[in-house]
Structure formats: structure tokens, C-alpha cells
Amino acid sequence: MNDLLNTLYDYVLTQSESYLAVYPEYRDFCRRAAEKERSLRANLSQEDEQLLEDMLGELWLRHQAEQEAAFQASLALCRELNRAALA
């Protein structure tokens, strides 16, 4: 993405945090995930913990790519809707 799209993307991510704040289950999802991660880590060897770290890093990269793709698809949809409205 170019600088403008990066700026818009960062803005959308910041704004989405306020939407998540009113999503009733979001905090519960986060809390339960953190509890499960702590429980899992307590039972891992150092080698297994590194494997978990590597997997979580890859999942984070995948999530970032999915968010960016959703942003670009939304932007394309907005462009199409704008063209249709102006036609």
C-alpha cells in the first residue's frame, strides 16, 4: 500500500477499537483467550513454548494480511458505490 492507503488503514484500525469497545462479547473473548494461553504456557517445555511463539507470530501475520485485504475490499466497494451514486 502507498502512504495514503497506510494512513487511511491506520485510521480505520484506530476507529475500529471504539466499535470493539461496544461489542459486548469482545472483552470476554480476550479474557478467555488470555486465560487459555496462560494455562497452556504453564504446561509447555521451553521448546514447545518457542513453537507456540512461532505459531502465534504466523497467526498474527495472517490476521494482519486478512485485515488489510478486508480494508482494501471495503475501499473498493466505497469507490464503486460512489461511482454508482454519481452516475
PDB file of N, CA and C in Angstrom:
ATOM      1  N   MET A   1       0.847  -1.177   0.000  1.00  0.00           N
ATOM      2  CA  MET A   1       0.000   0.000   0.000  1.00  0.00           C
ATOM      3  C   MET A   1       0.893   1.241   0.000  1.00  0.00           C
ATOM      4  N   ASN A   2       0.368   2.295  -0.585  1.00  0.00           N
ATOM      5  CA  ASN A   2       1.125   3.549  -0.590  1.00  0.00           C
ATOM      6  C   ASN A   2       0.886   4.308   0.723  1.00  0.00           C
ATOM      7  N   ASP A   3       1.535   5.453   0.880  1.00  0.00           N
ATOM      8  CA  ASP A   3       1.454   6.204   2.134  1.00  0.00           C
ATOM      9  C   ASP A   3       0.028   6.618   2.478  1.00  0.00           C
ATOM     10  N   LEU A   4      -0.732   7.055   1.479  1.00  0.00           N
ATOM     11  CA  LEU A   4      -2.107   7.470   1.721  1.00  0.00           C
ATOM     12  C   LEU A   4      -2.942   6.290   2.226  1.00  0.00           C
ATOM     13  N   LEU A   5      -2.835   5.148   1.557  1.00  0.00           N
ATOM     14  CA  LEU A   5      -3.598   3.976   1.991  1.00  0.00           C
ATOM     15  C   LEU A   5      -3.165   3.512   3.377  1.00  0.00           C
ATOM     16  N   ASN A   6      -1.883   3.593   3.676  1.00  0.00           N
ATOM     17  CA  ASN A   6      -1.412   3.236   5.019  1.00  0.00           C
ATOM     18  C   ASN A   6      -2.004   4.151   6.079  1.00  0.00           C
ATOM     19  N   THR A   7      -2.078   5.440   5.768  1.00  0.00           N
ATOM     20  CA  THR A   7      -2.659   6.397   6.704  1.00  0.00           C
ATOM     21  C   THR A   7      -4.144   6.106   6.914  1.00  0.00           C
ATOM     22  N   LEU A   8      -4.861   5.869   5.825  1.00  0.00           N
ATOM     23  CA  LEU A   8      -6.286   5.524   5.940  1.00  0.00           C
ATOM     24  C   LEU A   8      -6.486   4.220   6.701  1.00  0.00           C
ATOM     25  N   TYR A   9      -5.652   3.247   6.433  1.00  0.00           N
ATOM     26  CA  TYR A   9      -5.736   1.957   7.111  1.00  0.00           C
ATOM     27  C   TYR A   9      -5.506   2.121   8.609  1.00  0.00           C
ATOM     28  N   ASP A  10      -4.485   2.872   8.989  1.00  0.00           N
ATOM     29  CA  ASP A  10      -4.221   3.121  10.408  1.00  0.00           C
ATOM     30  C   ASP A  10      -5.399   3.828  11.073  1.00  0.00           C
ATOM     31  N   TYR A  11      -6.001   4.776  10.357  1.00  0.00           N
ATOM     32  CA  TYR A  11      -7.168   5.482  10.889  1.00  0.00           C
ATOM     33  C   TYR A  11      -8.330   4.511  11.123  1.00  0.00           C
ATOM     34  N   VAL A  12      -8.576   3.642  10.154  1.00  0.00           N
ATOM     35  CA  VAL A  12      -9.662   2.674  10.280  1.00  0.00           C
ATOM     36  C   VAL A  12      -9.410   1.738  11.461  1.00  0.00           C
ATOM     37  N   LEU A  13      -8.172   1.292  11.626  1.00  0.00           N
ATOM     38  CA  LEU A  13      -7.855   0.422  12.768  1.00  0.00           C
ATOM     39  C   LEU A  13      -8.111   1.132  14.085  1.00  0.00           C
ATOM     40  N   THR A  14      -7.729   2.397  14.158  1.00  0.00           N
ATOM     41  CA  THR A  14      -7.961   3.171  15.380  1.00  0.00           C
ATOM     42  C   THR A  14      -9.456   3.305  15.648  1.00  0.00           C
ATOM     43  N   GLN A  15     -10.215   3.591  14.615  1.00  0.00           N
ATOM     44  CA  GLN A  15     -11.661   3.741  14.771  1.00  0.00           C
ATOM     45  C   GLN A  15     -12.329   2.417  15.133  1.00  0.00           C
ATOM     46  N   SER A  16     -11.799   1.310  14.622  1.00  0.00           N
ATOM     47  CA  SER A  16     -12.423   0.017  14.903  1.00  0.00           C
ATOM     48  C   SER A  16     -12.312  -0.341  16.378  1.00  0.00           C
ATOM     49  N   GLU A  17     -11.312   0.198  17.076  1.00  0.00           N
ATOM     50  CA  GLU A  17     -11.174  -0.061  18.507  1.00  0.00           C
ATOM     51  C   GLU A  17     -12.396   0.450  19.268  1.00  0.00           C
ATOM     52  N   SER A  18     -12.955   1.575  18.854  1.00  0.00           N
ATOM     53  CA  SER A  18     -14.143   2.093  19.535  1.00  0.00           C
ATOM     54  C   SER A  18     -15.360   1.218  19.250  1.00  0.00           C
ATOM     55  N   TYR A  19     -15.428   0.620  18.055  1.00  0.00           N
ATOM     56  CA  TYR A  19     -16.513  -0.305  17.748  1.00  0.00           C
ATOM     57  C   TYR A  19     -16.376  -1.582  18.569  1.00  0.00           C
ATOM     58  N   LEU A  20     -15.143  -2.054  18.744  1.00  0.00           N
ATOM     59  CA  LEU A  20     -14.928  -3.255  19.549  1.00  0.00           C
ATOM     60  C   LEU A  20     -15.286  -3.019  21.008  1.00  0.00           C
ATOM     61  N   ALA A  21     -15.091  -1.796  21.484  1.00  0.00           N
ATOM     62  CA  ALA A  21     -15.380  -1.478  22.877  1.00  0.00           C
ATOM     63  C   ALA A  21     -16.859  -1.660  23.205  1.00  0.00           C
ATOM     64  N   VAL A  22     -17.729  -1.488  22.224  1.00  0.00           N
ATOM     65  CA  VAL A  22     -19.165  -1.651  22.482  1.00  0.00           C
ATOM     66  C   VAL A  22     -19.678  -3.034  22.066  1.00  0.00           C
ATOM     67  N   TYR A  23     -18.785  -3.871  21.543  1.00  0.00           N
ATOM     68  CA  TYR A  23     -19.145  -5.236  21.186  1.00  0.00           C
ATOM     69  C   TYR A  23     -19.161  -6.039  22.481  1.00  0.00           C
ATOM     70  N   PRO A  24     -20.328  -6.453  22.963  1.00  0.00           N
ATOM     71  CA  PRO A  24     -20.432  -6.992  24.327  1.00  0.00           C
ATOM     72  C   PRO A  24     -19.530  -8.184  24.626  1.00  0.00           C
ATOM     73  N   GLU A  25     -19.325  -9.057  23.680  1.00  0.00           N
ATOM     74  CA  GLU A  25     -18.562 -10.270  23.955  1.00  0.00           C
ATOM     75  C   GLU A  25     -17.055 -10.096  23.789  1.00  0.00           C
ATOM     76  N   TYR A  26     -16.617  -8.990  23.227  1.00  0.00           N
ATOM     77  CA  TYR A  26     -15.208  -8.831  22.893  1.00  0.00           C
ATOM     78  C   TYR A  26     -14.283  -8.974  24.104  1.00  0.00           C
ATOM     79  N   ARG A  27     -14.608  -8.295  25.185  1.00  0.00           N
ATOM     80  CA  ARG A  27     -13.753  -8.377  26.378  1.00  0.00           C
ATOM     81  C   ARG A  27     -13.707  -9.795  26.928  1.00  0.00           C
ATOM     82  N   ASP A  28     -14.848 -10.493  26.869  1.00  0.00           N
ATOM     83  CA  ASP A  28     -14.867 -11.887  27.320  1.00  0.00           C
ATOM     84  C   ASP A  28     -13.990 -12.756  26.433  1.00  0.00           C
ATOM     85  N   PHE A  29     -14.049 -12.536  25.118  1.00  0.00           N
ATOM     86  CA  PHE A  29     -13.196 -13.293  24.200  1.00  0.00           C
ATOM     87  C   PHE A  29     -11.724 -13.095  24.559  1.00  0.00           C
ATOM     88  N   CYS A  30     -11.339 -11.858  24.772  1.00  0.00           N
ATOM     89  CA  CYS A  30      -9.947 -11.531  25.098  1.00  0.00           C
ATOM     90  C   CYS A  30      -9.532 -12.159  26.426  1.00  0.00           C
ATOM     91  N   ARG A  31     -10.388 -12.043  27.425  1.00  0.00           N
ATOM     92  CA  ARG A  31     -10.084 -12.595  28.741  1.00  0.00           C
ATOM     93  C   ARG A  31      -9.912 -14.104  28.679  1.00  0.00           C
ATOM     94  N   ARG A  32     -10.852 -14.784  28.019  1.00  0.00           N
ATOM     95  CA  ARG A  32     -10.770 -16.250  27.922  1.00  0.00           C
ATOM     96  C   ARG A  32      -9.543 -16.689  27.125  1.00  0.00           C
ATOM     97  N   ALA A  33      -9.229 -15.992  26.068  1.00  0.00           N
ATOM     98  CA  ALA A  33      -8.041 -16.338  25.273  1.00  0.00           C
ATOM     99  C   ALA A  33      -6.777 -16.180  26.116  1.00  0.00           C
ATOM    100  N   ALA A  34      -6.686 -15.106  26.886  1.00  0.00           N
ATOM    101  CA  ALA A  34      -5.517 -14.878  27.733  1.00  0.00           C
ATOM    102  C   ALA A  34      -5.404 -15.960  28.812  1.00  0.00           C
ATOM    103  N   GLU A  35      -6.530 -16.335  29.395  1.00  0.00           N
ATOM    104  CA  GLU A  35      -6.526 -17.401  30.405  1.00  0.00           C
ATOM    105  C   GLU A  35      -6.054 -18.723  29.807  1.00  0.00           C
ATOM    106  N   LYS A  36      -6.569 -19.051  28.635  1.00  0.00           N
ATOM    107  CA  LYS A  36      -6.183 -20.308  27.986  1.00  0.00           C
ATOM    108  C   LYS A  36      -4.706 -20.298  27.595  1.00  0.00           C
ATOM    109  N   GLU A  37      -4.221 -19.141  27.142  1.00  0.00           N
ATOM    110  CA  GLU A  37      -2.806 -19.041  26.783  1.00  0.00           C
ATOM    111  C   GLU A  37      -1.932 -19.236  28.018  1.00  0.00           C
ATOM    112  N   ARG A  38      -2.285 -18.585  29.132  1.00  0.00           N
ATOM    113  CA  ARG A  38      -1.512 -18.757  30.375  1.00  0.00           C
ATOM    114  C   ARG A  38      -1.511 -20.222  30.814  1.00  0.00           C
ATOM    115  N   SER A  39      -2.671 -20.858  30.740  1.00  0.00           N
ATOM    116  CA  SER A  39      -2.780 -22.261  31.130  1.00  0.00           C
ATOM    117  C   SER A  39      -1.917 -23.146  30.245  1.00  0.00           C
ATOM    118  N   LEU A  40      -1.954 -22.900  28.960  1.00  0.00           N
ATOM    119  CA  LEU A  40      -1.158 -23.682  28.019  1.00  0.00           C
ATOM    120  C   LEU A  40       0.329 -23.483  28.269  1.00  0.00           C
ATOM    121  N   ARG A  41       0.748 -22.228  28.422  1.00  0.00           N
ATOM    122  CA  ARG A  41       2.173 -21.935  28.624  1.00  0.00           C
ATOM    123  C   ARG A  41       2.703 -22.568  29.910  1.00  0.00           C
ATOM    124  N   ALA A  42       1.851 -22.678  30.909  1.00  0.00           N
ATOM    125  CA  ALA A  42       2.279 -23.267  32.187  1.00  0.00           C
ATOM    126  C   ALA A  42       2.664 -24.732  32.035  1.00  0.00           C
ATOM    127  N   ASN A  43       2.187 -25.373  30.987  1.00  0.00           N
ATOM    128  CA  ASN A  43       2.436 -26.800  30.797  1.00  0.00           C
ATOM    129  C   ASN A  43       3.385 -27.105  29.641  1.00  0.00           C
ATOM    130  N   LEU A  44       4.083 -26.100  29.139  1.00  0.00           N
ATOM    131  CA  LEU A  44       4.961 -26.304  27.985  1.00  0.00           C
ATOM    132  C   LEU A  44       6.433 -26.323  28.385  1.00  0.00           C
ATOM    133  N   SER A  45       7.176 -27.110  27.646  1.00  0.00           N
ATOM    134  CA  SER A  45       8.637 -27.047  27.770  1.00  0.00           C
ATOM    135  C   SER A  45       9.099 -25.783  27.049  1.00  0.00           C
ATOM    136  N   GLN A  46      10.372 -25.448  27.210  1.00  0.00           N
ATOM    137  CA  GLN A  46      10.910 -24.264  26.514  1.00  0.00           C
ATOM    138  C   GLN A  46      10.812 -24.434  25.006  1.00  0.00           C
ATOM    139  N   GLU A  47      11.070 -25.628  24.533  1.00  0.00           N
ATOM    140  CA  GLU A  47      10.988 -25.883  23.088  1.00  0.00           C
ATOM    141  C   GLU A  47       9.551 -25.733  22.594  1.00  0.00           C
ATOM    142  N   ASP A  48       8.610 -26.266  23.371  1.00  0.00           N
ATOM    143  CA  ASP A  48       7.205 -26.146  22.992  1.00  0.00           C
ATOM    144  C   ASP A  48       6.723 -24.700  23.055  1.00  0.00           C
ATOM    145  N   GLU A  49       7.234 -23.969  24.046  1.00  0.00           N
ATOM    146  CA  GLU A  49       6.848 -22.561  24.158  1.00  0.00           C
ATOM    147  C   GLU A  49       7.355 -21.763  22.963  1.00  0.00           C
ATOM    148  N   GLN A  50       8.553 -22.087  22.481  1.00  0.00           N
ATOM    149  CA  GLN A  50       9.077 -21.411  21.285  1.00  0.00           C
ATOM    150  C   GLN A  50       8.218 -21.738  20.065  1.00  0.00           C
ATOM    151  N   LEU A  51       7.803 -22.991  19.979  1.00  0.00           N
ATOM    152  CA  LEU A  51       6.924 -23.399  18.886  1.00  0.00           C
ATOM    153  C   LEU A  51       5.603 -22.633  18.939  1.00  0.00           C
ATOM    154  N   LEU A  52       5.070 -22.479  20.153  1.00  0.00           N
ATOM    155  CA  LEU A  52       3.842 -21.690  20.320  1.00  0.00           C
ATOM    156  C   LEU A  52       4.064 -20.242  19.897  1.00  0.00           C
ATOM    157  N   GLU A  53       5.181 -19.650  20.316  1.00  0.00           N
ATOM    158  CA  GLU A  53       5.504 -18.264  19.928  1.00  0.00           C
ATOM    159  C   GLU A  53       5.574 -18.128  18.413  1.00  0.00           C
ATOM    160  N   ASP A  54       6.233 -19.089  17.775  1.00  0.00           N
ATOM    161  CA  ASP A  54       6.348 -19.052  16.315  1.00  0.00           C
ATOM    162  C   ASP A  54       4.974 -19.148  15.655  1.00  0.00           C
ATOM    163  N   MET A  55       4.134 -20.039  16.167  1.00  0.00           N
ATOM    164  CA  MET A  55       2.803 -20.205  15.597  1.00  0.00           C
ATOM    165  C   MET A  55       1.963 -18.934  15.793  1.00  0.00           C
ATOM    166  N   LEU A  56       2.020 -18.358  17.000  1.00  0.00           N
ATOM    167  CA  LEU A  56       1.258 -17.136  17.256  1.00  0.00           C
ATOM    168  C   LEU A  56       1.747 -15.992  16.369  1.00  0.00           C
ATOM    169  N   GLY A  57       3.051 -15.931  16.119  1.00  0.00           N
ATOM    170  CA  GLY A  57       3.580 -14.904  15.219  1.00  0.00           C
ATOM    171  C   GLY A  57       3.048 -15.067  13.809  1.00  0.00           C
ATOM    172  N   GLU A  58       3.002 -16.299  13.336  1.00  0.00           N
ATOM    173  CA  GLU A  58       2.468 -16.563  11.995  1.00  0.00           C
ATOM    174  C   GLU A  58       0.978 -16.248  11.931  1.00  0.00           C
ATOM    175  N   LEU A  59       0.246 -16.589  12.983  1.00  0.00           N
ATOM    176  CA  LEU A  59      -1.186 -16.271  13.019  1.00  0.00           C
ATOM    177  C   LEU A  59      -1.414 -14.768  13.023  1.00  0.00           C
ATOM    178  N   TRP A  60      -0.545 -14.027  13.724  1.00  0.00           N
ATOM    179  CA  TRP A  60      -0.663 -12.573  13.753  1.00  0.00           C
ATOM    180  C   TRP A  60      -0.423 -11.997  12.360  1.00  0.00           C
ATOM    181  N   LEU A  61       0.601 -12.517  11.664  1.00  0.00           N
ATOM    182  CA  LEU A  61       0.864 -12.043  10.299  1.00  0.00           C
ATOM    183  C   LEU A  61      -0.323 -12.342   9.380  1.00  0.00           C
ATOM    184  N   ARG A  62      -0.900 -13.532   9.521  1.00  0.00           N
ATOM    185  CA  ARG A  62      -2.065 -13.884   8.710  1.00  0.00           C
ATOM    186  C   ARG A  62      -3.233 -12.950   9.017  1.00  0.00           C
ATOM    187  N   HIS A  63      -3.441 -12.680  10.300  1.00  0.00           N
ATOM    188  CA  HIS A  63      -4.528 -11.785  10.701  1.00  0.00           C
ATOM    189  C   HIS A  63      -4.322 -10.383  10.120  1.00  0.00           C
ATOM    190  N   GLN A  64      -3.083  -9.895  10.166  1.00  0.00           N
ATOM    191  CA  GLN A  64      -2.782  -8.583   9.594  1.00  0.00           C
ATOM    192  C   GLN A  64      -3.084  -8.553   8.099  1.00  0.00           C
ATOM    193  N   ALA A  65      -2.708  -9.605   7.392  1.00  0.00           N
ATOM    194  CA  ALA A  65      -2.966  -9.672   5.947  1.00  0.00           C
ATOM    195  C   ALA A  65      -4.464  -9.707   5.680  1.00  0.00           C
ATOM    196  N   GLU A  66      -5.209 -10.446   6.503  1.00  0.00           N
ATOM    197  CA  GLU A  66      -6.664 -10.521   6.331  1.00  0.00           C
ATOM    198  C   GLU A  66      -7.318  -9.167   6.592  1.00  0.00           C
ATOM    199  N   GLN A  67      -6.838  -8.464   7.622  1.00  0.00           N
ATOM    200  CA  GLN A  67      -7.383  -7.135   7.909  1.00  0.00           C
ATOM    201  C   GLN A  67      -7.088  -6.162   6.771  1.00  0.00           C
ATOM    202  N   GLU A  68      -5.885  -6.209   6.258  1.00  0.00           N
ATOM    203  CA  GLU A  68      -5.517  -5.318   5.159  1.00  0.00           C
ATOM    204  C   GLU A  68      -6.345  -5.631   3.918  1.00  0.00           C
ATOM    205  N   ALA A  69      -6.563  -6.909   3.644  1.00  0.00           N
ATOM    206  CA  ALA A  69      -7.373  -7.294   2.485  1.00  0.00           C
ATOM    207  C   ALA A  69      -8.823  -6.833   2.665  1.00  0.00           C
ATOM    208  N   ALA A  70      -9.362  -6.965   3.867  1.00  0.00           N
ATOM    209  CA  ALA A  70     -10.722  -6.506   4.130  1.00  0.00           C
ATOM    210  C   ALA A  70     -10.820  -4.993   3.955  1.00  0.00           C
ATOM    211  N   PHE A  71      -9.794  -4.276   4.397  1.00  0.00           N
ATOM    212  CA  PHE A  71      -9.762  -2.826   4.223  1.00  0.00           C
ATOM    213  C   PHE A  71      -9.764  -2.461   2.745  1.00  0.00           C
ATOM    214  N   GLN A  72      -8.899  -3.118   1.971  1.00  0.00           N
ATOM    215  CA  GLN A  72      -8.826  -2.797   0.552  1.00  0.00           C
ATOM    216  C   GLN A  72     -10.123  -3.166  -0.172  1.00  0.00           C
ATOM    217  N   ALA A  73     -10.764  -4.271   0.224  1.00  0.00           N
ATOM    218  CA  ALA A  73     -12.045  -4.644  -0.375  1.00  0.00           C
ATOM    219  C   ALA A  73     -13.118  -3.612  -0.015  1.00  0.00           C
ATOM    220  N   SER A  74     -13.101  -3.134   1.222  1.00  0.00           N
ATOM    221  CA  SER A  74     -14.067  -2.109   1.640  1.00  0.00           C
ATOM    222  C   SER A  74     -13.851  -0.808   0.878  1.00  0.00           C
ATOM    223  N   LEU A  75     -12.590  -0.456   0.695  1.00  0.00           N
ATOM    224  CA  LEU A  75     -12.274   0.759  -0.059  1.00  0.00           C
ATOM    225  C   LEU A  75     -12.758   0.637  -1.501  1.00  0.00           C
ATOM    226  N   ALA A  76     -12.550  -0.534  -2.111  1.00  0.00           N
ATOM    227  CA  ALA A  76     -13.025  -0.751  -3.483  1.00  0.00           C
ATOM    228  C   ALA A  76     -14.545  -0.665  -3.544  1.00  0.00           C
ATOM    229  N   LEU A  77     -15.213  -1.209  -2.548  1.00  0.00           N
ATOM    230  CA  LEU A  77     -16.673  -1.133  -2.505  1.00  0.00           C
ATOM    231  C   LEU A  77     -17.131   0.321  -2.385  1.00  0.00           C
ATOM    232  N   CYS A  78     -16.467   1.088  -1.536  1.00  0.00           N
ATOM    233  CA  CYS A  78     -16.824   2.513  -1.396  1.00  0.00           C
ATOM    234  C   CYS A  78     -16.641   3.257  -2.713  1.00  0.00           C
ATOM    235  N   ARG A  79     -15.582   2.961  -3.411  1.00  0.00           N
ATOM    236  CA  ARG A  79     -15.350   3.596  -4.716  1.00  0.00           C
ATOM    237  C   ARG A  79     -16.488   3.255  -5.688  1.00  0.00           C
ATOM    238  N   GLU A  80     -16.861   1.986  -5.745  1.00  0.00           N
ATOM    239  CA  GLU A  80     -17.940   1.552  -6.640  1.00  0.00           C
ATOM    240  C   GLU A  80     -19.275   2.207  -6.262  1.00  0.00           C
ATOM    241  N   LEU A  81     -19.559   2.270  -4.970  1.00  0.00           N
ATOM    242  CA  LEU A  81     -20.805   2.915  -4.520  1.00  0.00           C
ATOM    243  C   LEU A  81     -20.795   4.401  -4.849  1.00  0.00           C
ATOM    244  N   ASN A  82     -19.637   5.037  -4.707  1.00  0.00           N
ATOM    245  CA  ASN A  82     -19.523   6.457  -5.043  1.00  0.00           C
ATOM    246  C   ASN A  82     -19.755   6.675  -6.545  1.00  0.00           C
ATOM    247  N   ARG A  83     -19.157   5.820  -7.373  1.00  0.00           N
ATOM    248  CA  ARG A  83     -19.356   5.917  -8.828  1.00  0.00           C
ATOM    249  C   ARG A  83     -20.835   5.732  -9.178  1.00  0.00           C
ATOM    250  N   ALA A  84     -21.464   4.742  -8.539  1.00  0.00           N
ATOM    251  CA  ALA A  84     -22.873   4.478  -8.814  1.00  0.00           C
ATOM    252  C   ALA A  84     -23.743   5.657  -8.381  1.00  0.00           C
ATOM    253  N   ALA A  85     -23.406   6.272  -7.253  1.00  0.00           N
ATOM    254  CA  ALA A  85     -24.189   7.408  -6.774  1.00  0.00           C
ATOM    255  C   ALA A  85     -24.039   8.626  -7.678  1.00  0.00           C
ATOM    256  N   LEU A  86     -22.866   8.767  -8.278  1.00  0.00           N
ATOM    257  CA  LEU A  86     -22.603   9.920  -9.145  1.00  0.00           C
ATOM    258  C   LEU A  86     -23.111   9.714 -10.567  1.00  0.00           C
ATOM    259  N   ALA A  87     -23.441   8.488 -10.919  1.00  0.00           N
ATOM    260  CA  ALA A  87     -23.878   8.189 -12.286  1.00  0.00           C
ATOM    261  C   ALA A  87     -25.309   8.590 -12.514  1.00  0.00           C
TER     262      ALA A  87
END
